[in-house]
Amino acid sequence: MSEKPLTIHIAAKEAGISIETIRYYQRIGLIEKPEKPLSGYRVYSEDLIARLLFIQRAKELGFSLTEISTLLALGDGNCAEIKELATHKLAIVNNKLHDLQAIANTLENLIQACEFNSSHQGCPIITAILKR
């Protein structure tokens, strides 16, 4: 059974990303562009698919492409440095969670103010937004 060569179309499909994303990753240096043979299409390796999947999973964890580049450069043997990067990322995520909880609390209070606004002389939400 002969398998199809891993063209950019197949690589994109296996990694669950678009062809343009692969090209963008090539332009910014996250992945290498395979040599183009005289006979036609570039052929991508299984290792490249694994790298693309790594990039996607790291993005899902909130890492930026710059941070992912650092993770890839550090490799598997630099756990202390990677832990430091992940700890910093966790602190950022926790700060965002705190900010989002404050927004949620404010919205809940404004919604409740609307429910108890018997005078109907103005919306407390609009009034609060205008005061900012």
N, C-alpha and C. Protein backbone atom coordinates (compact mmCIF):
# COMPACT_ATOMS: atom_id res chain seq x y z
N MET A 1 0.84 -1.18 0.00
CA MET A 1 0.00 0.00 0.00
C MET A 1 0.88 1.23 0.00
N SER A 2 0.76 2.09 -0.98
CA SER A 2 1.57 3.29 -1.02
C SER A 2 0.79 4.45 -0.43
N GLU A 3 1.44 5.15 0.49
CA GLU A 3 0.80 6.29 1.11
C GLU A 3 1.07 7.53 0.27
N LYS A 4 0.12 8.45 0.31
CA LYS A 4 0.29 9.71 -0.38
C LYS A 4 1.38 10.51 0.31
N PRO A 5 2.17 11.25 -0.47
CA PRO A 5 3.16 12.12 0.17
C PRO A 5 2.44 13.23 0.94
N LEU A 6 3.05 13.66 2.02
CA LEU A 6 2.46 14.70 2.85
C LEU A 6 2.68 16.07 2.21
N THR A 7 1.74 16.45 1.38
CA THR A 7 1.78 17.79 0.80
C THR A 7 1.27 18.78 1.83
N ILE A 8 1.35 20.06 1.52
CA ILE A 8 0.89 21.08 2.46
C ILE A 8 -0.60 20.91 2.75
N HIS A 9 -1.36 20.47 1.75
CA HIS A 9 -2.80 20.26 1.95
C HIS A 9 -3.06 19.16 2.98
N ILE A 10 -2.35 18.07 2.84
CA ILE A 10 -2.52 16.94 3.76
C ILE A 10 -1.98 17.30 5.14
N ALA A 11 -0.85 17.98 5.20
CA ALA A 11 -0.28 18.40 6.48
C ALA A 11 -1.24 19.31 7.23
N ALA A 12 -1.85 20.24 6.51
CA ALA A 12 -2.81 21.16 7.13
C ALA A 12 -4.00 20.39 7.67
N LYS A 13 -4.49 19.46 6.88
CA LYS A 13 -5.65 18.67 7.30
C LYS A 13 -5.32 17.83 8.54
N GLU A 14 -4.18 17.18 8.55
CA GLU A 14 -3.80 16.34 9.69
C GLU A 14 -3.57 17.16 10.95
N ALA A 15 -3.08 18.38 10.79
CA ALA A 15 -2.81 19.24 11.95
C ALA A 15 -4.05 20.04 12.36
N GLY A 16 -5.08 20.03 11.52
CA GLY A 16 -6.30 20.76 11.83
C GLY A 16 -6.16 22.26 11.71
N ILE A 17 -5.31 22.69 10.79
CA ILE A 17 -5.09 24.12 10.57
C ILE A 17 -5.17 24.42 9.08
N SER A 18 -5.11 25.69 8.74
CA SER A 18 -5.20 26.06 7.34
C SER A 18 -3.81 26.06 6.68
N ILE A 19 -3.82 26.00 5.39
CA ILE A 19 -2.58 26.09 4.61
C ILE A 19 -1.90 27.42 4.88
N GLU A 20 -2.69 28.49 4.96
CA GLU A 20 -2.11 29.81 5.21
C GLU A 20 -1.43 29.87 6.58
N THR A 21 -1.96 29.14 7.55
CA THR A 21 -1.32 29.10 8.87
C THR A 21 0.04 28.44 8.76
N ILE A 22 0.12 27.35 8.01
CA ILE A 22 1.42 26.69 7.81
C ILE A 22 2.39 27.66 7.14
N ARG A 23 1.93 28.35 6.12
CA ARG A 23 2.81 29.31 5.43
C ARG A 23 3.25 30.43 6.36
N TYR A 24 2.33 30.89 7.21
CA TYR A 24 2.68 31.93 8.17
C TYR A 24 3.74 31.42 9.16
N TYR A 25 3.54 30.21 9.68
CA TYR A 25 4.52 29.63 10.60
C TYR A 25 5.89 29.51 9.92
N GLN A 26 5.89 29.21 8.63
CA GLN A 26 7.15 29.15 7.89
C GLN A 26 7.79 30.54 7.81
N ARG A 27 6.99 31.55 7.51
CA ARG A 27 7.52 32.91 7.38
C ARG A 27 8.13 33.43 8.68
N ILE A 28 7.51 33.07 9.82
CA ILE A 28 8.02 33.58 11.09
C ILE A 28 9.05 32.65 11.73
N GLY A 29 9.34 31.53 11.09
CA GLY A 29 10.40 30.64 11.55
C GLY A 29 10.01 29.59 12.57
N LEU A 30 8.71 29.39 12.79
CA LEU A 30 8.30 28.33 13.71
C LEU A 30 8.52 26.94 13.12
N ILE A 31 8.35 26.85 11.83
CA ILE A 31 8.61 25.58 11.13
C ILE A 31 9.43 25.88 9.88
N GLU A 32 10.13 24.87 9.42
CA GLU A 32 10.93 25.03 8.21
C GLU A 32 10.10 24.68 6.98
N LYS A 33 10.45 25.32 5.89
CA LYS A 33 9.81 25.02 4.62
C LYS A 33 10.66 23.94 3.94
N PRO A 34 10.04 22.81 3.62
CA PRO A 34 10.80 21.76 2.93
C PRO A 34 11.25 22.25 1.54
N GLU A 35 12.34 21.68 1.09
CA GLU A 35 12.82 22.01 -0.26
C GLU A 35 11.78 21.58 -1.29
N LYS A 36 11.68 22.36 -2.34
CA LYS A 36 10.74 22.02 -3.42
C LYS A 36 11.51 21.27 -4.50
N PRO A 37 11.16 20.01 -4.71
CA PRO A 37 11.85 19.23 -5.74
C PRO A 37 11.46 19.72 -7.13
N LEU A 38 12.29 19.43 -8.08
CA LEU A 38 12.00 19.82 -9.45
C LEU A 38 10.72 19.18 -9.96
N SER A 39 10.39 18.04 -9.39
CA SER A 39 9.23 17.29 -9.88
C SER A 39 7.88 17.81 -9.38
N GLY A 40 7.88 18.79 -8.47
CA GLY A 40 6.57 19.27 -8.07
C GLY A 40 6.45 19.82 -6.67
N TYR A 41 5.65 19.14 -5.86
CA TYR A 41 5.21 19.66 -4.57
C TYR A 41 6.21 19.39 -3.45
N ARG A 42 6.24 20.31 -2.49
CA ARG A 42 7.02 20.09 -1.28
C ARG A 42 6.38 18.93 -0.51
N VAL A 43 7.22 18.14 0.13
CA VAL A 43 6.74 17.02 0.93
C VAL A 43 7.10 17.30 2.39
N TYR A 44 6.09 17.22 3.25
CA TYR A 44 6.26 17.49 4.68
C TYR A 44 6.44 16.18 5.43
N SER A 45 7.15 16.23 6.53
CA SER A 45 7.44 15.02 7.31
C SER A 45 6.43 14.84 8.43
N GLU A 46 6.41 13.63 8.96
CA GLU A 46 5.58 13.35 10.14
C GLU A 46 6.04 14.19 11.33
N ASP A 47 7.36 14.44 11.41
CA ASP A 47 7.88 15.29 12.49
C ASP A 47 7.29 16.69 12.41
N LEU A 48 7.10 17.18 11.20
CA LEU A 48 6.51 18.50 11.04
C LEU A 48 5.06 18.50 11.53
N ILE A 49 4.33 17.44 11.24
CA ILE A 49 2.95 17.33 11.71
C ILE A 49 2.95 17.37 13.24
N ALA A 50 3.86 16.62 13.86
CA ALA A 50 3.96 16.61 15.32
C ALA A 50 4.27 18.01 15.84
N ARG A 51 5.12 18.74 15.15
CA ARG A 51 5.47 20.10 15.56
C ARG A 51 4.26 21.03 15.43
N LEU A 52 3.51 20.88 14.35
CA LEU A 52 2.30 21.68 14.17
C LEU A 52 1.29 21.39 15.26
N LEU A 53 1.13 20.14 15.61
CA LEU A 53 0.21 19.76 16.69
C LEU A 53 0.68 20.32 18.03
N PHE A 54 1.99 20.31 18.26
CA PHE A 54 2.55 20.90 19.47
C PHE A 54 2.21 22.39 19.54
N ILE A 55 2.40 23.08 18.43
CA ILE A 55 2.11 24.51 18.36
C ILE A 55 0.63 24.76 18.68
N GLN A 56 -0.25 23.97 18.10
CA GLN A 56 -1.68 24.15 18.33
C GLN A 56 -2.05 23.91 19.80
N ARG A 57 -1.47 22.86 20.39
CA ARG A 57 -1.77 22.57 21.80
C ARG A 57 -1.23 23.66 22.71
N ALA A 58 -0.05 24.17 22.40
CA ALA A 58 0.53 25.26 23.20
C ALA A 58 -0.32 26.53 23.08
N LYS A 59 -0.85 26.79 21.89
CA LYS A 59 -1.75 27.94 21.72
C LYS A 59 -3.00 27.77 22.56
N GLU A 60 -3.53 26.55 22.62
CA GLU A 60 -4.72 26.28 23.43
C GLU A 60 -4.46 26.54 24.91
N LEU A 61 -3.21 26.40 25.34
CA LEU A 61 -2.84 26.68 26.73
C LEU A 61 -2.57 28.17 26.95
N GLY A 62 -2.71 28.95 25.90
CA GLY A 62 -2.57 30.40 26.03
C GLY A 62 -1.21 30.94 25.69
N PHE A 63 -0.29 30.10 25.24
CA PHE A 63 1.03 30.59 24.88
C PHE A 63 0.96 31.34 23.55
N SER A 64 1.67 32.46 23.48
CA SER A 64 1.76 33.23 22.24
C SER A 64 2.73 32.51 21.30
N LEU A 65 2.72 32.92 20.04
CA LEU A 65 3.65 32.30 19.09
C LEU A 65 5.10 32.59 19.47
N THR A 66 5.37 33.75 20.03
CA THR A 66 6.72 34.06 20.50
C THR A 66 7.12 33.12 21.63
N GLU A 67 6.20 32.91 22.57
CA GLU A 67 6.47 31.98 23.67
C GLU A 67 6.63 30.56 23.16
N ILE A 68 5.84 30.19 22.18
CA ILE A 68 5.95 28.84 21.61
C ILE A 68 7.30 28.68 20.93
N SER A 69 7.76 29.71 20.27
CA SER A 69 9.09 29.67 19.66
C SER A 69 10.15 29.43 20.72
N THR A 70 10.00 30.08 21.87
CA THR A 70 10.93 29.87 22.97
C THR A 70 10.85 28.44 23.49
N LEU A 71 9.62 27.94 23.65
CA LEU A 71 9.45 26.54 24.11
C LEU A 71 10.14 25.57 23.15
N LEU A 72 9.94 25.79 21.87
CA LEU A 72 10.55 24.91 20.87
C LEU A 72 12.08 25.01 20.91
N ALA A 73 12.59 26.22 21.10
CA ALA A 73 14.04 26.41 21.15
C ALA A 73 14.64 25.77 22.40
N LEU A 74 13.90 25.85 23.53
CA LEU A 74 14.41 25.26 24.76
C LEU A 74 14.43 23.74 24.69
N GLY A 75 13.44 23.18 24.07
CA GLY A 75 13.39 21.73 23.93
C GLY A 75 13.01 21.02 25.22
N ASP A 76 13.04 19.72 25.16
CA ASP A 76 12.55 18.87 26.24
C ASP A 76 13.48 18.85 27.45
N GLY A 77 14.74 19.21 27.29
CA GLY A 77 15.71 19.06 28.36
C GLY A 77 15.87 20.26 29.27
N ASN A 78 15.07 21.29 29.09
CA ASN A 78 15.21 22.51 29.89
C ASN A 78 13.98 22.74 30.75
N CYS A 79 13.68 21.78 31.59
CA CYS A 79 12.44 21.82 32.37
C CYS A 79 12.36 23.04 33.28
N ALA A 80 13.47 23.45 33.88
CA ALA A 80 13.46 24.58 34.81
C ALA A 80 13.07 25.87 34.08
N GLU A 81 13.63 26.09 32.91
CA GLU A 81 13.30 27.30 32.15
C GLU A 81 11.87 27.25 31.62
N ILE A 82 11.44 26.08 31.21
CA ILE A 82 10.08 25.93 30.72
C ILE A 82 9.09 26.11 31.86
N LYS A 83 9.43 25.60 33.03
CA LYS A 83 8.58 25.78 34.21
C LYS A 83 8.45 27.27 34.53
N GLU A 84 9.54 28.01 34.43
CA GLU A 84 9.51 29.45 34.69
C GLU A 84 8.58 30.17 33.70
N LEU A 85 8.66 29.79 32.45
CA LEU A 85 7.78 30.38 31.42
C LEU A 85 6.32 30.03 31.70
N ALA A 86 6.06 28.78 32.07
CA ALA A 86 4.69 28.35 32.37
C ALA A 86 4.17 29.03 33.63
N THR A 87 5.02 29.23 34.62
CA THR A 87 4.62 29.91 35.85
C THR A 87 4.23 31.35 35.55
N HIS A 88 5.01 32.00 34.71
CA HIS A 88 4.69 33.37 34.30
C HIS A 88 3.35 33.40 33.55
N LYS A 89 3.14 32.45 32.66
CA LYS A 89 1.88 32.37 31.90
C LYS A 89 0.72 32.14 32.86
N LEU A 90 0.88 31.29 33.85
CA LEU A 90 -0.18 31.03 34.83
C LEU A 90 -0.53 32.30 35.60
N ALA A 91 0.47 33.09 35.97
CA ALA A 91 0.21 34.34 36.67
C ALA A 91 -0.62 35.29 35.81
N ILE A 92 -0.31 35.35 34.53
CA ILE A 92 -1.08 36.19 33.60
C ILE A 92 -2.52 35.69 33.51
N VAL A 93 -2.70 34.39 33.39
CA VAL A 93 -4.04 33.81 33.31
C VAL A 93 -4.82 34.10 34.58
N ASN A 94 -4.18 33.95 35.74
CA ASN A 94 -4.86 34.23 37.01
C ASN A 94 -5.26 35.69 37.12
N ASN A 95 -4.41 36.60 36.64
CA ASN A 95 -4.76 38.03 36.63
C ASN A 95 -5.96 38.29 35.74
N LYS A 96 -5.99 37.64 34.59
CA LYS A 96 -7.13 37.80 33.67
C LYS A 96 -8.41 37.25 34.31
N LEU A 97 -8.29 36.12 34.99
CA LEU A 97 -9.45 35.55 35.67
C LEU A 97 -9.97 36.51 36.74
N HIS A 98 -9.07 37.12 37.48
CA HIS A 98 -9.45 38.09 38.50
C HIS A 98 -10.18 39.27 37.85
N ASP A 99 -9.63 39.78 36.75
CA ASP A 99 -10.27 40.90 36.04
C ASP A 99 -11.64 40.51 35.51
N LEU A 100 -11.75 39.31 34.94
CA LEU A 100 -13.03 38.85 34.42
C LEU A 100 -14.06 38.67 35.53
N GLN A 101 -13.62 38.20 36.70
CA GLN A 101 -14.55 38.04 37.82
C GLN A 101 -15.05 39.40 38.29
N ALA A 102 -14.17 40.41 38.28
CA ALA A 102 -14.59 41.76 38.66
C ALA A 102 -15.60 42.31 37.66
N ILE A 103 -15.40 42.04 36.38
CA ILE A 103 -16.35 42.47 35.35
C ILE A 103 -17.69 41.77 35.57
N ALA A 104 -17.64 40.46 35.82
CA ALA A 104 -18.87 39.70 36.05
C ALA A 104 -19.63 40.24 37.26
N ASN A 105 -18.93 40.54 38.33
CA ASN A 105 -19.58 41.08 39.53
C ASN A 105 -20.24 42.43 39.23
N THR A 106 -19.54 43.28 38.50
CA THR A 106 -20.10 44.59 38.15
C THR A 106 -21.34 44.43 37.29
N LEU A 107 -21.28 43.55 36.30
CA LEU A 107 -22.45 43.33 35.44
C LEU A 107 -23.63 42.77 36.24
N GLU A 108 -23.36 41.84 37.14
CA GLU A 108 -24.43 41.29 37.98
C GLU A 108 -25.09 42.39 38.80
N ASN A 109 -24.28 43.27 39.39
CA ASN A 109 -24.82 44.38 40.18
C ASN A 109 -25.65 45.32 39.32
N LEU A 110 -25.17 45.62 38.11
CA LEU A 110 -25.91 46.52 37.21
C LEU A 110 -27.21 45.89 36.75
N ILE A 111 -27.19 44.61 36.47
CA ILE A 111 -28.42 43.91 36.06
C ILE A 111 -29.43 43.92 37.20
N GLN A 112 -28.93 43.68 38.39
CA GLN A 112 -29.81 43.70 39.56
C GLN A 112 -30.37 45.12 39.77
N ALA A 113 -29.56 46.13 39.55
CA ALA A 113 -30.04 47.52 39.67
C ALA A 113 -31.15 47.78 38.66
N CYS A 114 -31.04 47.21 37.48
CA CYS A 114 -32.10 47.35 36.45
C CYS A 114 -33.40 46.70 36.94
N GLU A 115 -33.27 45.54 37.54
CA GLU A 115 -34.46 44.82 37.99
C GLU A 115 -35.20 45.58 39.09
N PHE A 116 -34.45 46.34 39.89
CA PHE A 116 -35.06 47.08 40.98
C PHE A 116 -35.31 48.55 40.63
N ASN A 117 -35.16 48.88 39.36
CA ASN A 117 -35.37 50.25 38.90
C ASN A 117 -36.85 50.46 38.63
N SER A 118 -37.58 50.80 39.67
CA SER A 118 -39.03 50.96 39.53
C SER A 118 -39.41 52.30 38.91
N SER A 119 -38.50 53.25 38.95
CA SER A 119 -38.84 54.59 38.44
C SER A 119 -38.80 54.64 36.91
N HIS A 120 -38.07 53.74 36.31
CA HIS A 120 -37.93 53.68 34.85
C HIS A 120 -37.51 55.03 34.28
N GLN A 121 -36.74 55.80 35.04
CA GLN A 121 -36.30 57.11 34.59
C GLN A 121 -34.93 57.06 33.93
N GLY A 122 -34.38 55.96 33.81
CA GLY A 122 -33.07 55.81 33.17
C GLY A 122 -32.51 54.44 33.51
N CYS A 123 -31.81 53.92 32.60
CA CYS A 123 -31.24 52.58 32.79
C CYS A 123 -29.96 52.68 33.62
N PRO A 124 -29.88 51.97 34.74
CA PRO A 124 -28.68 52.01 35.57
C PRO A 124 -27.42 51.55 34.83
N ILE A 125 -27.58 50.65 33.88
CA ILE A 125 -26.41 50.16 33.11
C ILE A 125 -25.86 51.31 32.27
N ILE A 126 -26.73 51.99 31.54
CA ILE A 126 -26.29 53.12 30.71
C ILE A 126 -25.70 54.22 31.58
N THR A 127 -26.35 54.49 32.70
CA THR A 127 -25.85 55.52 33.61
C THR A 127 -24.45 55.17 34.12
N ALA A 128 -24.24 53.93 34.47
CA ALA A 128 -22.92 53.49 34.97
C ALA A 128 -21.87 53.60 33.89
N ILE A 129 -22.22 53.24 32.65
CA ILE A 129 -21.26 53.31 31.55
C ILE A 129 -20.90 54.76 31.26
N LEU A 130 -21.89 55.64 31.30
CA LEU A 130 -21.64 57.06 31.04
C LEU A 130 -20.75 57.69 32.10
N LYS A 131 -20.83 57.20 33.34
CA LYS A 131 -20.02 57.74 34.43
C LYS A 131 -18.55 57.39 34.28
N ARG A 132 -18.25 56.37 33.57
CA ARG A 132 -16.86 55.93 33.42
C ARG A 132 -16.19 56.85 32.48
